[in-house]
Amino acid sequence: MRPAVAEPDRFSFPSGHATASMAVALSYAITFPRWTGPLLLLALAVGFSRVRLGVHYPSDVLGGQLIAMATAAGVWATL
């Protein structure tokens, strides 16, 4: 199967979409704990879509999501 868009280049790390979606999901999850599950599933789906579309490697997505998690943990710790 051919990707719908160009293949990742050397500047694809980290995935900005995966980072942003996880950061937003975690921010809202802190504020609205009841929505944590669906928000995290949505953020993971965004990351999966980046790999599925062929625009990022799995390590790009995982790296972006880890950056978002570390940032959210740091913000949570300071609050």
C-alpha atoms as a PDB file:
ATOM      1  CA  MET A   1       0.000   0.000   0.000  1.00  0.00           C
ATOM      2  CA  ARG A   2       1.339   3.412  -0.939  1.00  0.00           C
ATOM      3  CA  PRO A   3       1.224   6.282   1.609  1.00  0.00           C
ATOM      4  CA  ALA A   4      -1.222   9.069   0.835  1.00  0.00           C
ATOM      5  CA  VAL A   5       1.442  11.681   1.637  1.00  0.00           C
ATOM      6  CA  ALA A   6       5.211  11.983   1.400  1.00  0.00           C
ATOM      7  CA  GLU A   7       7.365   9.749   3.599  1.00  0.00           C
ATOM      8  CA  PRO A   8       8.900  11.122   6.803  1.00  0.00           C
ATOM      9  CA  ASP A   9      12.061  13.121   6.406  1.00  0.00           C
ATOM     10  CA  ARG A  10      14.949  13.602   8.804  1.00  0.00           C
ATOM     11  CA  PHE A  11      13.048  16.406  10.576  1.00  0.00           C
ATOM     12  CA  SER A  12      10.045  14.284  11.541  1.00  0.00           C
ATOM     13  CA  PHE A  13      11.070  13.814  15.198  1.00  0.00           C
ATOM     14  CA  PRO A  14       9.042  14.412  17.303  1.00  0.00           C
ATOM     15  CA  SER A  15       5.571  14.376  15.824  1.00  0.00           C
ATOM     16  CA  GLY A  16       4.007  17.746  16.544  1.00  0.00           C
ATOM     17  CA  HIS A  17       0.495  16.382  16.121  1.00  0.00           C
ATOM     18  CA  ALA A  18       1.129  13.567  18.598  1.00  0.00           C
ATOM     19  CA  THR A  19       2.754  15.959  21.068  1.00  0.00           C
ATOM     20  CA  ALA A  20      -0.029  18.526  20.862  1.00  0.00           C
ATOM     21  CA  SER A  21      -2.883  16.015  21.035  1.00  0.00           C
ATOM     22  CA  MET A  22      -1.397  14.286  24.087  1.00  0.00           C
ATOM     23  CA  ALA A  23      -0.686  17.626  25.790  1.00  0.00           C
ATOM     24  CA  VAL A  24      -4.265  18.790  25.258  1.00  0.00           C
ATOM     25  CA  ALA A  25      -5.677  15.418  26.368  1.00  0.00           C
ATOM     26  CA  LEU A  26      -3.628  15.419  29.565  1.00  0.00           C
ATOM     27  CA  SER A  27      -4.462  19.051  30.320  1.00  0.00           C
ATOM     28  CA  TYR A  28      -8.155  18.407  30.011  1.00  0.00           C
ATOM     29  CA  ALA A  29      -7.848  15.097  31.895  1.00  0.00           C
ATOM     30  CA  ILE A  30      -6.386  16.959  34.874  1.00  0.00           C
ATOM     31  CA  THR A  31      -9.306  19.384  34.814  1.00  0.00           C
ATOM     32  CA  PHE A  32     -12.000  16.808  33.972  1.00  0.00           C
ATOM     33  CA  PRO A  33     -10.847  13.448  35.435  1.00  0.00           C
ATOM     34  CA  ARG A  34     -14.013  11.664  34.334  1.00  0.00           C
ATOM     35  CA  TRP A  35     -12.987  12.197  30.682  1.00  0.00           C
ATOM     36  CA  THR A  36      -9.438  10.818  31.075  1.00  0.00           C
ATOM     37  CA  GLY A  37     -10.074   7.526  29.248  1.00  0.00           C
ATOM     38  CA  PRO A  38     -11.740   8.938  26.131  1.00  0.00           C
ATOM     39  CA  LEU A  39      -9.269  11.825  25.934  1.00  0.00           C
ATOM     40  CA  LEU A  40      -6.265   9.509  26.079  1.00  0.00           C
ATOM     41  CA  LEU A  41      -7.806   7.188  23.498  1.00  0.00           C
ATOM     42  CA  LEU A  42      -8.319  10.134  21.176  1.00  0.00           C
ATOM     43  CA  ALA A  43      -4.718  11.298  21.643  1.00  0.00           C
ATOM     44  CA  LEU A  44      -3.441   7.775  20.977  1.00  0.00           C
ATOM     45  CA  ALA A  45      -5.623   7.598  17.857  1.00  0.00           C
ATOM     46  CA  VAL A  46      -4.030  10.804  16.569  1.00  0.00           C
ATOM     47  CA  GLY A  47      -0.600   9.281  17.103  1.00  0.00           C
ATOM     48  CA  PHE A  48      -1.627   6.064  15.377  1.00  0.00           C
ATOM     49  CA  SER A  49      -3.008   8.030  12.433  1.00  0.00           C
ATOM     50  CA  ARG A  50       0.369   9.742  11.922  1.00  0.00           C
ATOM     51  CA  VAL A  51       2.065   6.364  11.585  1.00  0.00           C
ATOM     52  CA  ARG A  52      -0.760   4.879   9.506  1.00  0.00           C
ATOM     53  CA  LEU A  53      -0.629   7.776   7.052  1.00  0.00           C
ATOM     54  CA  GLY A  54       3.080   7.182   6.680  1.00  0.00           C
ATOM     55  CA  VAL A  55       4.151  10.680   7.720  1.00  0.00           C
ATOM     56  CA  HIS A  56       5.930   9.614  10.931  1.00  0.00           C
ATOM     57  CA  TYR A  57       7.788   6.660  12.317  1.00  0.00           C
ATOM     58  CA  PRO A  58       6.439   5.086  15.530  1.00  0.00           C
ATOM     59  CA  SER A  59       9.431   6.503  17.424  1.00  0.00           C
ATOM     60  CA  ASP A  60       8.458  10.025  16.294  1.00  0.00           C
ATOM     61  CA  VAL A  61       4.998   9.592  17.752  1.00  0.00           C
ATOM     62  CA  LEU A  62       6.174   7.930  20.951  1.00  0.00           C
ATOM     63  CA  GLY A  63       8.810  10.617  21.455  1.00  0.00           C
ATOM     64  CA  GLY A  64       6.238  13.368  21.034  1.00  0.00           C
ATOM     65  CA  GLN A  65       3.815  11.715  23.417  1.00  0.00           C
ATOM     66  CA  LEU A  66       6.555  11.237  26.022  1.00  0.00           C
ATOM     67  CA  ILE A  67       7.496  14.907  25.752  1.00  0.00           C
ATOM     68  CA  ALA A  68       3.851  15.850  26.361  1.00  0.00           C
ATOM     69  CA  MET A  69       3.626  13.486  29.334  1.00  0.00           C
ATOM     70  CA  ALA A  70       6.813  14.816  30.904  1.00  0.00           C
ATOM     71  CA  THR A  71       5.661  18.391  30.427  1.00  0.00           C
ATOM     72  CA  ALA A  72       2.228  17.656  31.907  1.00  0.00           C
ATOM     73  CA  ALA A  73       3.858  15.916  34.878  1.00  0.00           C
ATOM     74  CA  GLY A  74       6.103  18.928  35.439  1.00  0.00           C
ATOM     75  CA  VAL A  75       3.197  21.344  35.293  1.00  0.00           C
ATOM     76  CA  TRP A  76       1.121  19.109  37.581  1.00  0.00           C
ATOM     77  CA  ALA A  77       3.997  18.962  40.087  1.00  0.00           C
ATOM     78  CA  THR A  78       4.279  22.754  40.234  1.00  0.00           C
ATOM     79  CA  LEU A  79       0.542  23.199  40.808  1.00  0.00           C
END
